[in-house]
C-alpha cells in the first residue's frame, strides 16, 4: 500500500436485473466484504463503507485491484454489480461513488481531495442542506472550491463557529468520521387493518398518518433513525386479495414524523390507485441506525426547527400521560 492510496471504499450495489438487493442478499454482500476487512459499515438499502487499509497491505494489491476482486465476487455469487468510490476518508469515498458508473471504480488519491471537491456544488458537502446552500450561494460561495478558499472567520460569521469550522474542513477534504463496523440494520413495522374494504382515499391517508406517527415515536424512543420506508397495501382484486409493496429512501436518516409522513404519502401516490378497495396498510422503517451516529443536514429553516421542537415536547407529554395524549390534527377527529 503506497502513501497516496485511498483506504476507504463506498460501494453502491445494484442487481443486474435492476433495483437494489433485497434484505437477505444485502446481508450476504456485507458478509462478502467481511472476508476482506472486519471494518464494514452497513449503509442500507444499497450501500456499504469498508476500510480496506489493512486489506491492501495483506493482499499486496492497490485499491483498484482489490475493488475489482470484490466486484467480480459480488457479480458471480450474488448477481449484483457495484459502483465503487475510493478515497482516504468516508466523505470523499461516498462522493467518489457518485462519479463511478456500475462496474467501475472512481479513485480519489490521498492529497487529491481538494482538487476533486473544488468543482462540486456547495450542496454536495455533508451537512449542507438546501437552506444552507442557498445562504452560501448568496455570499458567492456556490462551489466547494470557493468555500475552501474563503477565510475561516468569514464562514463562521455566516454559519456559526462550530458549523463554520466543520464546513471549512470538509471543503478541504478533511473528514473526522471513521468507518464504524456494524451489522445490517434491522427494521420496525406497523400495520392498520380496515374492518371492511375501504375505498375512501382520505381514510387511506389517515391510516398512513397514524402509522408514521407510531413509527416516528418508536424510533425516537429507541434513539434510532431510519434510512428508508417500505409501504405495503393489501387490496381486493378479481382473484381475491393482492399485496403491492414499494420502498423509497429518505433524503437523510431521520425519525422526524413529518418527513416519514411526506415520504409515505408519496409512495402511496405512486401506486396510482383508482377507487381501490383497500383492506390493510403496513409501513416498515428500514435501515435503522443509532441517531447519535447519523448526520443531519444543517438547515436555517425556522419552520423545520420549530417542528422538531414541537415534536420533542409532544414526545415528553406522551411519555408522561400515554401515547394518546398528543395527536396530529388529522387524527384528532
C-alpha atoms as a PDB file:
ATOM      1  CA  UNK A   1       0.000   0.000   0.000  1.00  0.00           C
ATOM      2  CA  UNK A   2       1.548   3.304  -1.115  1.00  0.00           C
ATOM      3  CA  UNK A   3       1.240   6.545   0.799  1.00  0.00           C
ATOM      4  CA  UNK A   4      -1.161   8.020  -1.799  1.00  0.00           C
ATOM      5  CA  UNK A   5      -3.533   5.046  -1.679  1.00  0.00           C
ATOM      6  CA  UNK A   6      -7.179   5.542  -0.832  1.00  0.00           C
ATOM      7  CA  UNK A   7      -8.062   3.224   2.021  1.00  0.00           C
ATOM      8  CA  UNK A   8     -11.853   3.595   2.260  1.00  0.00           C
ATOM      9  CA  UNK A   9     -14.367   2.163  -0.204  1.00  0.00           C
ATOM     10  CA  UNK A  10     -18.004   3.116  -0.641  1.00  0.00           C
ATOM     11  CA  UNK A  11     -19.928   0.512  -2.625  1.00  0.00           C
ATOM     12  CA  UNK A  12     -23.323   1.009  -4.261  1.00  0.00           C
ATOM     13  CA  UNK A  13     -24.970  -2.337  -5.014  1.00  0.00           C
ATOM     14  CA  UNK A  14     -27.321  -2.876  -7.933  1.00  0.00           C
ATOM     15  CA  UNK A  15     -28.878  -6.132  -9.089  1.00  0.00           C
ATOM     16  CA  UNK A  16     -28.165  -6.973 -12.724  1.00  0.00           C
ATOM     17  CA  UNK A  17     -31.929  -7.305 -13.196  1.00  0.00           C
ATOM     18  CA  UNK A  18     -32.429  -3.805 -11.785  1.00  0.00           C
ATOM     19  CA  UNK A  19     -33.074  -2.354  -8.350  1.00  0.00           C
ATOM     20  CA  UNK A  20     -31.247  -2.637  -5.018  1.00  0.00           C
ATOM     21  CA  UNK A  21     -30.591  -6.046  -3.454  1.00  0.00           C
ATOM     22  CA  UNK A  22     -33.177  -7.467  -1.064  1.00  0.00           C
ATOM     23  CA  UNK A  23     -32.595  -7.804   2.663  1.00  0.00           C
ATOM     24  CA  UNK A  24     -31.092 -11.313   2.556  1.00  0.00           C
ATOM     25  CA  UNK A  25     -28.902 -10.537  -0.451  1.00  0.00           C
ATOM     26  CA  UNK A  26     -27.743  -7.304   1.186  1.00  0.00           C
ATOM     27  CA  UNK A  27     -26.669  -9.180   4.328  1.00  0.00           C
ATOM     28  CA  UNK A  28     -24.740 -11.649   2.150  1.00  0.00           C
ATOM     29  CA  UNK A  29     -22.950  -8.789   0.397  1.00  0.00           C
ATOM     30  CA  UNK A  30     -21.889  -7.372   3.760  1.00  0.00           C
ATOM     31  CA  UNK A  31     -20.554 -10.820   4.658  1.00  0.00           C
ATOM     32  CA  UNK A  32     -18.634 -10.868   1.382  1.00  0.00           C
ATOM     33  CA  UNK A  33     -16.954  -7.593   2.341  1.00  0.00           C
ATOM     34  CA  UNK A  34     -16.243  -9.065   5.758  1.00  0.00           C
ATOM     35  CA  UNK A  35     -13.984 -11.630   4.085  1.00  0.00           C
ATOM     36  CA  UNK A  36     -11.653  -8.765   3.115  1.00  0.00           C
ATOM     37  CA  UNK A  37     -11.907  -6.493   6.156  1.00  0.00           C
ATOM     38  CA  UNK A  38     -13.676  -6.572   9.523  1.00  0.00           C
ATOM     39  CA  UNK A  39     -14.269  -2.815   9.304  1.00  0.00           C
ATOM     40  CA  UNK A  40     -17.532  -2.743   7.330  1.00  0.00           C
ATOM     41  CA  UNK A  41     -20.342  -0.256   7.954  1.00  0.00           C
ATOM     42  CA  UNK A  42     -23.787  -1.010   6.550  1.00  0.00           C
ATOM     43  CA  UNK A  43     -25.487   1.854   4.688  1.00  0.00           C
ATOM     44  CA  UNK A  44     -28.862   0.350   3.725  1.00  0.00           C
ATOM     45  CA  UNK A  45     -30.640  -0.169   1.487  1.00  0.00           C
ATOM     46  CA  UNK A  46     -27.936  -0.438  -1.198  1.00  0.00           C
ATOM     47  CA  UNK A  47     -24.615   0.846   0.124  1.00  0.00           C
ATOM     48  CA  UNK A  48     -21.705  -0.020   2.395  1.00  0.00           C
ATOM     49  CA  UNK A  49     -18.495   1.555   3.652  1.00  0.00           C
ATOM     50  CA  UNK A  50     -15.360  -0.548   4.078  1.00  0.00           C
ATOM     51  CA  UNK A  51     -11.973   0.453   5.479  1.00  0.00           C
ATOM     52  CA  UNK A  52      -9.587  -1.691   3.415  1.00  0.00           C
ATOM     53  CA  UNK A  53      -6.307  -0.131   4.505  1.00  0.00           C
ATOM     54  CA  UNK A  54      -5.208  -3.338   6.203  1.00  0.00           C
ATOM     55  CA  UNK A  55      -6.504  -5.496   3.348  1.00  0.00           C
ATOM     56  CA  UNK A  56      -4.375  -3.606   0.809  1.00  0.00           C
ATOM     57  CA  UNK A  57      -1.265  -4.417   2.775  1.00  0.00           C
ATOM     58  CA  UNK A  58      -2.316  -8.012   3.454  1.00  0.00           C
ATOM     59  CA  UNK A  59      -3.224  -8.886  -0.136  1.00  0.00           C
ATOM     60  CA  UNK A  60      -0.464  -6.785  -1.670  1.00  0.00           C
ATOM     61  CA  UNK A  61      -2.888  -5.062  -4.072  1.00  0.00           C
ATOM     62  CA  UNK A  62      -3.727  -1.482  -4.876  1.00  0.00           C
ATOM     63  CA  UNK A  63      -7.222  -0.205  -4.227  1.00  0.00           C
ATOM     64  CA  UNK A  64      -8.469  -0.610  -7.823  1.00  0.00           C
ATOM     65  CA  UNK A  65      -7.321  -4.244  -7.950  1.00  0.00           C
ATOM     66  CA  UNK A  66      -8.992  -5.054  -4.635  1.00  0.00           C
ATOM     67  CA  UNK A  67     -12.200  -3.317  -5.714  1.00  0.00           C
ATOM     68  CA  UNK A  68     -12.193  -5.388  -8.909  1.00  0.00           C
ATOM     69  CA  UNK A  69     -11.917  -8.612  -6.932  1.00  0.00           C
ATOM     70  CA  UNK A  70     -14.833  -7.599  -4.709  1.00  0.00           C
ATOM     71  CA  UNK A  71     -16.919  -6.627  -7.751  1.00  0.00           C
ATOM     72  CA  UNK A  72     -16.268  -9.931  -9.547  1.00  0.00           C
ATOM     73  CA  UNK A  73     -17.239 -11.958  -6.478  1.00  0.00           C
ATOM     74  CA  UNK A  74     -20.425  -9.912  -5.909  1.00  0.00           C
ATOM     75  CA  UNK A  75     -21.411 -10.410  -9.536  1.00  0.00           C
ATOM     76  CA  UNK A  76     -20.558 -14.119  -9.690  1.00  0.00           C
ATOM     77  CA  UNK A  77     -22.004 -15.137  -6.326  1.00  0.00           C
ATOM     78  CA  UNK A  78     -24.961 -12.779  -5.936  1.00  0.00           C
ATOM     79  CA  UNK A  79     -25.792 -11.336  -9.349  1.00  0.00           C
ATOM     80  CA  UNK A  80     -25.058  -7.839  -8.036  1.00  0.00           C
ATOM     81  CA  UNK A  81     -22.919  -5.215  -9.737  1.00  0.00           C
ATOM     82  CA  UNK A  82     -21.090  -2.489  -7.845  1.00  0.00           C
ATOM     83  CA  UNK A  83     -20.218   1.139  -8.443  1.00  0.00           C
ATOM     84  CA  UNK A  84     -17.299   1.820  -6.111  1.00  0.00           C
ATOM     85  CA  UNK A  85     -15.791   5.053  -4.851  1.00  0.00           C
ATOM     86  CA  UNK A  86     -12.404   5.035  -3.126  1.00  0.00           C
ATOM     87  CA  UNK A  87     -10.922   7.795  -1.026  1.00  0.00           C
ATOM     88  CA  UNK A  88      -8.854   8.496   2.081  1.00  0.00           C
ATOM     89  CA  UNK A  89     -11.971   9.019   4.243  1.00  0.00           C
ATOM     90  CA  UNK A  90     -15.691   8.146   4.227  1.00  0.00           C
ATOM     91  CA  UNK A  91     -16.927  11.514   2.913  1.00  0.00           C
ATOM     92  CA  UNK A  92     -14.626  11.517  -0.106  1.00  0.00           C
ATOM     93  CA  UNK A  93     -15.339   7.823  -0.813  1.00  0.00           C
ATOM     94  CA  UNK A  94     -19.110   8.486  -0.828  1.00  0.00           C
ATOM     95  CA  UNK A  95     -18.728  11.422  -3.208  1.00  0.00           C
ATOM     96  CA  UNK A  96     -16.383   9.414  -5.437  1.00  0.00           C
ATOM     97  CA  UNK A  97     -19.002   6.656  -5.662  1.00  0.00           C
ATOM     98  CA  UNK A  98     -21.392   9.165  -7.257  1.00  0.00           C
ATOM     99  CA  UNK A  99     -18.888   9.543 -10.118  1.00  0.00           C
ATOM    100  CA  UNK A 100     -18.495   5.799 -10.582  1.00  0.00           C
ATOM    101  CA  UNK A 101     -20.642   4.027 -13.159  1.00  0.00           C
ATOM    102  CA  UNK A 102     -21.792   0.444 -12.431  1.00  0.00           C
ATOM    103  CA  UNK A 103     -18.863  -1.890 -12.951  1.00  0.00           C
ATOM    104  CA  UNK A 104     -16.233   0.794 -12.347  1.00  0.00           C
ATOM    105  CA  UNK A 105     -14.180   2.280  -9.519  1.00  0.00           C
ATOM    106  CA  UNK A 106     -13.521   6.001  -9.145  1.00  0.00           C
ATOM    107  CA  UNK A 107     -10.442   6.661  -7.003  1.00  0.00           C
ATOM    108  CA  UNK A 108      -9.509   9.898  -5.247  1.00  0.00           C
ATOM    109  CA  UNK A 109      -5.934   9.514  -4.040  1.00  0.00           C
ATOM    110  CA  UNK A 110      -4.677  10.942  -0.784  1.00  0.00           C
ATOM    111  CA  UNK A 111      -3.651  14.542  -1.399  1.00  0.00           C
ATOM    112  CA  UNK A 112      -6.058  14.962  -4.319  1.00  0.00           C
ATOM    113  CA  UNK A 113      -9.165  15.542  -2.186  1.00  0.00           C
ATOM    114  CA  UNK A 114      -9.296  19.336  -2.546  1.00  0.00           C
ATOM    115  CA  UNK A 115      -8.888  19.233  -6.339  1.00  0.00           C
ATOM    116  CA  UNK A 116     -11.627  16.593  -6.623  1.00  0.00           C
ATOM    117  CA  UNK A 117     -14.031  18.521  -4.399  1.00  0.00           C
ATOM    118  CA  UNK A 118     -13.409  22.036  -5.762  1.00  0.00           C
ATOM    119  CA  UNK A 119     -15.814  21.973  -8.766  1.00  0.00           C
ATOM    120  CA  UNK A 120     -18.663  20.320  -6.846  1.00  0.00           C
ATOM    121  CA  UNK A 121     -21.666  22.432  -5.797  1.00  0.00           C
ATOM    122  CA  UNK A 122     -21.845  23.534  -2.171  1.00  0.00           C
ATOM    123  CA  UNK A 123     -24.790  21.197  -1.520  1.00  0.00           C
ATOM    124  CA  UNK A 124     -22.554  18.183  -2.212  1.00  0.00           C
ATOM    125  CA  UNK A 125     -20.813  18.557   1.155  1.00  0.00           C
ATOM    126  CA  UNK A 126     -22.038  16.575   4.153  1.00  0.00           C
ATOM    127  CA  UNK A 127     -24.274  18.713   6.350  1.00  0.00           C
ATOM    128  CA  UNK A 128     -25.134  21.306   3.689  1.00  0.00           C
ATOM    129  CA  UNK A 129     -28.856  21.210   3.075  1.00  0.00           C
ATOM    130  CA  UNK A 130     -30.945  23.246   0.661  1.00  0.00           C
ATOM    131  CA  UNK A 131     -31.354  26.187   3.025  1.00  0.00           C
ATOM    132  CA  UNK A 132     -27.657  26.428   3.890  1.00  0.00           C
ATOM    133  CA  UNK A 133     -26.653  26.043   0.232  1.00  0.00           C
ATOM    134  CA  UNK A 134     -28.964  28.931  -0.647  1.00  0.00           C
ATOM    135  CA  UNK A 135     -27.396  31.086   2.078  1.00  0.00           C
ATOM    136  CA  UNK A 136     -23.856  30.245   0.970  1.00  0.00           C
ATOM    137  CA  UNK A 137     -24.707  30.972  -2.663  1.00  0.00           C
ATOM    138  CA  UNK A 138     -25.999  34.376  -1.568  1.00  0.00           C
ATOM    139  CA  UNK A 139     -22.443  35.160  -0.448  1.00  0.00           C
ATOM    140  CA  UNK A 140     -20.944  33.825  -3.681  1.00  0.00           C
ATOM    141  CA  UNK A 141     -19.875  30.550  -2.084  1.00  0.00           C
ATOM    142  CA  UNK A 142     -21.644  28.331  -4.604  1.00  0.00           C
ATOM    143  CA  UNK A 143     -18.926  25.696  -5.030  1.00  0.00           C
ATOM    144  CA  UNK A 144     -16.806  23.625  -2.664  1.00  0.00           C
ATOM    145  CA  UNK A 145     -13.666  25.282  -4.063  1.00  0.00           C
ATOM    146  CA  UNK A 146     -14.948  28.753  -3.185  1.00  0.00           C
ATOM    147  CA  UNK A 147     -15.899  27.589   0.297  1.00  0.00           C
ATOM    148  CA  UNK A 148     -12.397  26.157   0.750  1.00  0.00           C
ATOM    149  CA  UNK A 149     -10.852  29.440  -0.369  1.00  0.00           C
ATOM    150  CA  UNK A 150     -12.963  31.549   1.987  1.00  0.00           C
ATOM    151  CA  UNK A 151     -11.386  32.669   5.279  1.00  0.00           C
ATOM    152  CA  UNK A 152     -12.455  30.536   8.218  1.00  0.00           C
ATOM    153  CA  UNK A 153     -13.643  33.625  10.117  1.00  0.00           C
ATOM    154  CA  UNK A 154     -15.961  34.543   7.228  1.00  0.00           C
ATOM    155  CA  UNK A 155     -17.597  31.106   7.205  1.00  0.00           C
ATOM    156  CA  UNK A 156     -18.031  31.243  10.966  1.00  0.00           C
ATOM    157  CA  UNK A 157     -19.753  34.632  10.752  1.00  0.00           C
ATOM    158  CA  UNK A 158     -22.155  33.234   8.128  1.00  0.00           C
ATOM    159  CA  UNK A 159     -22.942  29.846   9.676  1.00  0.00           C
ATOM    160  CA  UNK A 160     -21.741  29.910  13.280  1.00  0.00           C
ATOM    161  CA  UNK A 161     -18.456  28.981  14.921  1.00  0.00           C
ATOM    162  CA  UNK A 162     -18.781  25.192  15.049  1.00  0.00           C
ATOM    163  CA  UNK A 163     -20.622  24.805  11.740  1.00  0.00           C
ATOM    164  CA  UNK A 164     -18.182  27.145  10.004  1.00  0.00           C
ATOM    165  CA  UNK A 165     -15.210  25.098  11.203  1.00  0.00           C
ATOM    166  CA  UNK A 166     -16.792  21.824  10.044  1.00  0.00           C
ATOM    167  CA  UNK A 167     -17.690  23.325   6.671  1.00  0.00           C
ATOM    168  CA  UNK A 168     -14.186  24.748   6.210  1.00  0.00           C
ATOM    169  CA  UNK A 169     -12.592  21.361   6.943  1.00  0.00           C
ATOM    170  CA  UNK A 170     -14.957  19.353   4.745  1.00  0.00           C
ATOM    171  CA  UNK A 171     -14.371  21.680   1.793  1.00  0.00           C
ATOM    172  CA  UNK A 172     -10.676  20.775   2.080  1.00  0.00           C
ATOM    173  CA  UNK A 173     -11.414  17.062   2.137  1.00  0.00           C
ATOM    174  CA  UNK A 174     -10.990  16.648   5.893  1.00  0.00           C
ATOM    175  CA  UNK A 175     -13.469  14.168   7.372  1.00  0.00           C
ATOM    176  CA  UNK A 176     -13.009  13.219  11.023  1.00  0.00           C
ATOM    177  CA  UNK A 177     -15.569  10.399  10.955  1.00  0.00           C
ATOM    178  CA  UNK A 178     -14.450   6.780  10.764  1.00  0.00           C
ATOM    179  CA  UNK A 179     -15.913   3.639   9.298  1.00  0.00           C
ATOM    180  CA  UNK A 180     -17.856   2.103  12.188  1.00  0.00           C
ATOM    181  CA  UNK A 181     -18.345  -1.681  11.963  1.00  0.00           C
ATOM    182  CA  UNK A 182     -21.980  -2.693  12.310  1.00  0.00           C
ATOM    183  CA  UNK A 183     -24.353  -5.370  11.137  1.00  0.00           C
ATOM    184  CA  UNK A 184     -27.095  -4.971   8.580  1.00  0.00           C
ATOM    185  CA  UNK A 185     -29.573  -2.583  10.134  1.00  0.00           C
ATOM    186  CA  UNK A 186     -32.842  -4.034  11.329  1.00  0.00           C
ATOM    187  CA  UNK A 187     -36.308  -2.668  10.676  1.00  0.00           C
ATOM    188  CA  UNK A 188     -39.532  -1.987  12.564  1.00  0.00           C
ATOM    189  CA  UNK A 189     -43.048  -2.128  11.173  1.00  0.00           C
ATOM    190  CA  UNK A 190     -46.639  -1.209  11.979  1.00  0.00           C
ATOM    191  CA  UNK A 191     -49.923  -2.111  10.324  1.00  0.00           C
ATOM    192  CA  UNK A 192     -53.504  -0.869  10.103  1.00  0.00           C
ATOM    193  CA  UNK A 193     -56.350  -3.157   9.014  1.00  0.00           C
ATOM    194  CA  UNK A 194     -59.767  -1.850   7.994  1.00  0.00           C
ATOM    195  CA  UNK A 195     -62.892  -3.752   9.161  1.00  0.00           C
ATOM    196  CA  UNK A 196     -64.084  -3.802   5.539  1.00  0.00           C
ATOM    197  CA  UNK A 197     -62.716  -2.913   2.085  1.00  0.00           C
ATOM    198  CA  UNK A 198     -62.077   0.818   2.336  1.00  0.00           C
ATOM    199  CA  UNK A 199     -62.436   2.938  -0.832  1.00  0.00           C
ATOM    200  CA  UNK A 200     -62.029   6.442   0.617  1.00  0.00           C
ATOM    201  CA  UNK A 201     -58.539   7.869  -0.164  1.00  0.00           C
ATOM    202  CA  UNK A 202     -58.748  10.213   2.832  1.00  0.00           C
ATOM    203  CA  UNK A 203     -59.059   7.198   5.158  1.00  0.00           C
ATOM    204  CA  UNK A 204     -56.042   5.611   3.488  1.00  0.00           C
ATOM    205  CA  UNK A 205     -54.040   8.789   4.157  1.00  0.00           C
ATOM    206  CA  UNK A 206     -55.337   8.924   7.726  1.00  0.00           C
ATOM    207  CA  UNK A 207     -54.063   5.378   8.255  1.00  0.00           C
ATOM    208  CA  UNK A 208     -50.687   6.372   6.811  1.00  0.00           C
ATOM    209  CA  UNK A 209     -50.508   9.383   9.140  1.00  0.00           C
ATOM    210  CA  UNK A 210     -51.259   7.118  12.093  1.00  0.00           C
ATOM    211  CA  UNK A 211     -48.520   4.690  11.010  1.00  0.00           C
ATOM    212  CA  UNK A 212     -45.835   7.331  10.556  1.00  0.00           C
ATOM    213  CA  UNK A 213     -46.684   8.911  13.909  1.00  0.00           C
ATOM    214  CA  UNK A 214     -46.346   5.497  15.580  1.00  0.00           C
ATOM    215  CA  UNK A 215     -43.089   4.584  13.846  1.00  0.00           C
ATOM    216  CA  UNK A 216     -41.607   8.039  14.408  1.00  0.00           C
ATOM    217  CA  UNK A 217     -42.365   7.903  18.148  1.00  0.00           C
ATOM    218  CA  UNK A 218     -40.926   4.388  18.418  1.00  0.00           C
ATOM    219  CA  UNK A 219     -37.752   5.368  16.577  1.00  0.00           C
ATOM    220  CA  UNK A 220     -37.186   8.436  18.723  1.00  0.00           C
ATOM    221  CA  UNK A 221     -37.929   6.491  21.893  1.00  0.00           C
ATOM    222  CA  UNK A 222     -35.271   3.926  20.965  1.00  0.00           C
ATOM    223  CA  UNK A 223     -32.734   6.539  19.844  1.00  0.00           C
ATOM    224  CA  UNK A 224     -32.897   5.303  16.244  1.00  0.00           C
ATOM    225  CA  UNK A 225     -33.309   6.819  12.788  1.00  0.00           C
ATOM    226  CA  UNK A 226     -34.267   5.068   9.560  1.00  0.00           C
ATOM    227  CA  UNK A 227     -32.952   5.430   6.024  1.00  0.00           C
ATOM    228  CA  UNK A 228     -35.943   4.228   4.000  1.00  0.00           C
ATOM    229  CA  UNK A 229     -39.623   3.261   4.146  1.00  0.00           C
ATOM    230  CA  UNK A 230     -41.397   0.273   2.612  1.00  0.00           C
ATOM    231  CA  UNK A 231     -45.156   0.551   2.128  1.00  0.00           C
ATOM    232  CA  UNK A 232     -47.400  -2.487   1.574  1.00  0.00           C
ATOM    233  CA  UNK A 233     -51.060  -2.162   0.569  1.00  0.00           C
ATOM    234  CA  UNK A 234     -53.415  -5.142   0.622  1.00  0.00           C
ATOM    235  CA  UNK A 235     -56.344  -4.610  -1.725  1.00  0.00           C
ATOM    236  CA  UNK A 236     -59.148  -6.567  -3.352  1.00  0.00           C
ATOM    237  CA  UNK A 237     -58.809  -7.670  -6.963  1.00  0.00           C
ATOM    238  CA  UNK A 238     -60.613 -10.116  -9.240  1.00  0.00           C
ATOM    239  CA  UNK A 239     -58.927 -13.154  -7.702  1.00  0.00           C
ATOM    240  CA  UNK A 240     -59.359 -12.173  -4.062  1.00  0.00           C
ATOM    241  CA  UNK A 241     -56.697 -10.053  -2.379  1.00  0.00           C
ATOM    242  CA  UNK A 242     -53.300  -8.934  -3.588  1.00  0.00           C
ATOM    243  CA  UNK A 243     -50.471  -7.047  -1.877  1.00  0.00           C
ATOM    244  CA  UNK A 244     -48.352  -4.358  -3.527  1.00  0.00           C
ATOM    245  CA  UNK A 245     -45.111  -3.199  -1.886  1.00  0.00           C
ATOM    246  CA  UNK A 246     -42.780  -0.343  -2.757  1.00  0.00           C
ATOM    247  CA  UNK A 247     -39.866   1.225  -0.921  1.00  0.00           C
ATOM    248  CA  UNK A 248     -38.044   4.519  -1.202  1.00  0.00           C
ATOM    249  CA  UNK A 249     -35.061   6.070   0.540  1.00  0.00           C
ATOM    250  CA  UNK A 250     -35.350   9.189   2.657  1.00  0.00           C
ATOM    251  CA  UNK A 251     -33.264  12.228   1.838  1.00  0.00           C
ATOM    252  CA  UNK A 252     -31.331  11.637   5.058  1.00  0.00           C
ATOM    253  CA  UNK A 253     -31.657   9.258   8.028  1.00  0.00           C
ATOM    254  CA  UNK A 254     -34.443  10.548  10.267  1.00  0.00           C
ATOM    255  CA  UNK A 255     -37.045   9.765  12.907  1.00  0.00           C
ATOM    256  CA  UNK A 256     -38.959  13.001  12.253  1.00  0.00           C
ATOM    257  CA  UNK A 257     -42.628  12.078  11.803  1.00  0.00           C
ATOM    258  CA  UNK A 258     -43.283  14.855   9.281  1.00  0.00           C
ATOM    259  CA  UNK A 259     -40.533  13.561   6.980  1.00  0.00           C
ATOM    260  CA  UNK A 260     -41.811   9.994   7.323  1.00  0.00           C
ATOM    261  CA  UNK A 261     -45.365  11.100   6.543  1.00  0.00           C
ATOM    262  CA  UNK A 262     -44.306  13.050   3.457  1.00  0.00           C
ATOM    263  CA  UNK A 263     -42.444  10.054   2.021  1.00  0.00           C
ATOM    264  CA  UNK A 264     -45.246   7.607   2.911  1.00  0.00           C
ATOM    265  CA  UNK A 265     -47.768   9.816   1.084  1.00  0.00           C
ATOM    266  CA  UNK A 266     -45.519   9.989  -1.983  1.00  0.00           C
ATOM    267  CA  UNK A 267     -45.063   6.216  -2.082  1.00  0.00           C
ATOM    268  CA  UNK A 268     -48.827   5.738  -1.750  1.00  0.00           C
ATOM    269  CA  UNK A 269     -49.492   8.207  -4.582  1.00  0.00           C
ATOM    270  CA  UNK A 270     -47.021   6.337  -6.802  1.00  0.00           C
ATOM    271  CA  UNK A 271     -49.323   3.283  -6.734  1.00  0.00           C
ATOM    272  CA  UNK A 272     -51.854   5.233  -8.760  1.00  0.00           C
ATOM    273  CA  UNK A 273     -54.856   3.502  -7.183  1.00  0.00           C
ATOM    274  CA  UNK A 274     -58.252   4.357  -8.692  1.00  0.00           C
ATOM    275  CA  UNK A 275     -61.043   3.612  -6.192  1.00  0.00           C
ATOM    276  CA  UNK A 276     -59.031   0.721  -4.779  1.00  0.00           C
ATOM    277  CA  UNK A 277     -60.773  -1.436  -2.178  1.00  0.00           C
ATOM    278  CA  UNK A 278     -58.062  -1.455   0.461  1.00  0.00           C
ATOM    279  CA  UNK A 279     -58.225  -3.897   3.374  1.00  0.00           C
ATOM    280  CA  UNK A 280     -54.917  -3.150   5.088  1.00  0.00           C
ATOM    281  CA  UNK A 281     -51.834  -0.908   5.013  1.00  0.00           C
ATOM    282  CA  UNK A 282     -48.421  -1.750   6.512  1.00  0.00           C
ATOM    283  CA  UNK A 283     -45.389   0.504   6.813  1.00  0.00           C
ATOM    284  CA  UNK A 284     -41.859  -0.625   7.585  1.00  0.00           C
ATOM    285  CA  UNK A 285     -38.971   1.643   8.604  1.00  0.00           C
ATOM    286  CA  UNK A 286     -35.769   0.136   7.229  1.00  0.00           C
ATOM    287  CA  UNK A 287     -32.063   0.764   7.572  1.00  0.00           C
ATOM    288  CA  UNK A 288     -32.167   1.611  11.259  1.00  0.00           C
ATOM    289  CA  UNK A 289     -29.088   3.104  12.870  1.00  0.00           C
ATOM    290  CA  UNK A 290     -28.252   4.946  16.086  1.00  0.00           C
ATOM    291  CA  UNK A 291     -29.456   8.543  15.968  1.00  0.00           C
ATOM    292  CA  UNK A 292     -26.250   9.706  17.668  1.00  0.00           C
ATOM    293  CA  UNK A 293     -24.179   8.384  14.763  1.00  0.00           C
ATOM    294  CA  UNK A 294     -26.389   9.723  11.973  1.00  0.00           C
ATOM    295  CA  UNK A 295     -25.590  13.009  10.268  1.00  0.00           C
ATOM    296  CA  UNK A 296     -28.373  15.530   9.803  1.00  0.00           C
ATOM    297  CA  UNK A 297     -28.270  18.197   7.129  1.00  0.00           C
ATOM    298  CA  UNK A 298     -27.826  21.619   8.653  1.00  0.00           C
ATOM    299  CA  UNK A 299     -30.720  23.997   7.974  1.00  0.00           C
ATOM    300  CA  UNK A 300     -31.701  27.581   8.588  1.00  0.00           C
ATOM    301  CA  UNK A 301     -35.402  26.875   8.087  1.00  0.00           C
ATOM    302  CA  UNK A 302     -37.193  28.170  11.231  1.00  0.00           C
ATOM    303  CA  UNK A 303     -40.344  26.177  10.411  1.00  0.00           C
ATOM    304  CA  UNK A 304     -38.353  22.938  10.332  1.00  0.00           C
ATOM    305  CA  UNK A 305     -36.626  23.715  13.617  1.00  0.00           C
ATOM    306  CA  UNK A 306     -39.957  24.661  15.222  1.00  0.00           C
ATOM    307  CA  UNK A 307     -41.476  21.373  14.020  1.00  0.00           C
ATOM    308  CA  UNK A 308     -38.669  19.399  15.672  1.00  0.00           C
ATOM    309  CA  UNK A 309     -39.063  21.311  18.940  1.00  0.00           C
ATOM    310  CA  UNK A 310     -42.825  20.710  18.981  1.00  0.00           C
ATOM    311  CA  UNK A 311     -42.181  17.027  18.355  1.00  0.00           C
ATOM    312  CA  UNK A 312     -39.797  16.862  21.330  1.00  0.00           C
ATOM    313  CA  UNK A 313     -42.423  18.411  23.599  1.00  0.00           C
ATOM    314  CA  UNK A 314     -45.113  16.039  22.293  1.00  0.00           C
ATOM    315  CA  UNK A 315     -42.843  13.047  22.962  1.00  0.00           C
ATOM    316  CA  UNK A 316     -42.367  14.151  26.584  1.00  0.00           C
ATOM    317  CA  UNK A 317     -46.130  14.541  27.026  1.00  0.00           C
ATOM    318  CA  UNK A 318     -46.768  11.062  25.562  1.00  0.00           C
ATOM    319  CA  UNK A 319     -44.149   9.587  27.867  1.00  0.00           C
ATOM    320  CA  UNK A 320     -45.840  11.184  30.882  1.00  0.00           C
ATOM    321  CA  UNK A 321     -49.530  10.815  30.004  1.00  0.00           C
ATOM    322  CA  UNK A 322     -49.638   7.960  27.489  1.00  0.00           C
ATOM    323  CA  UNK A 323     -49.354   7.504  23.705  1.00  0.00           C
ATOM    324  CA  UNK A 324     -52.748   9.120  23.038  1.00  0.00           C
ATOM    325  CA  UNK A 325     -52.012  12.334  24.918  1.00  0.00           C
ATOM    326  CA  UNK A 326     -50.949  14.260  21.800  1.00  0.00           C
ATOM    327  CA  UNK A 327     -52.160  13.618  18.261  1.00  0.00           C
ATOM    328  CA  UNK A 328     -51.812  15.403  14.923  1.00  0.00           C
ATOM    329  CA  UNK A 329     -54.890  17.376  13.886  1.00  0.00           C
ATOM    330  CA  UNK A 330     -55.536  14.852  11.134  1.00  0.00           C
ATOM    331  CA  UNK A 331     -56.060  12.112  13.754  1.00  0.00           C
ATOM    332  CA  UNK A 332     -57.896  14.140  16.399  1.00  0.00           C
ATOM    333  CA  UNK A 333     -61.330  13.882  14.799  1.00  0.00           C
END
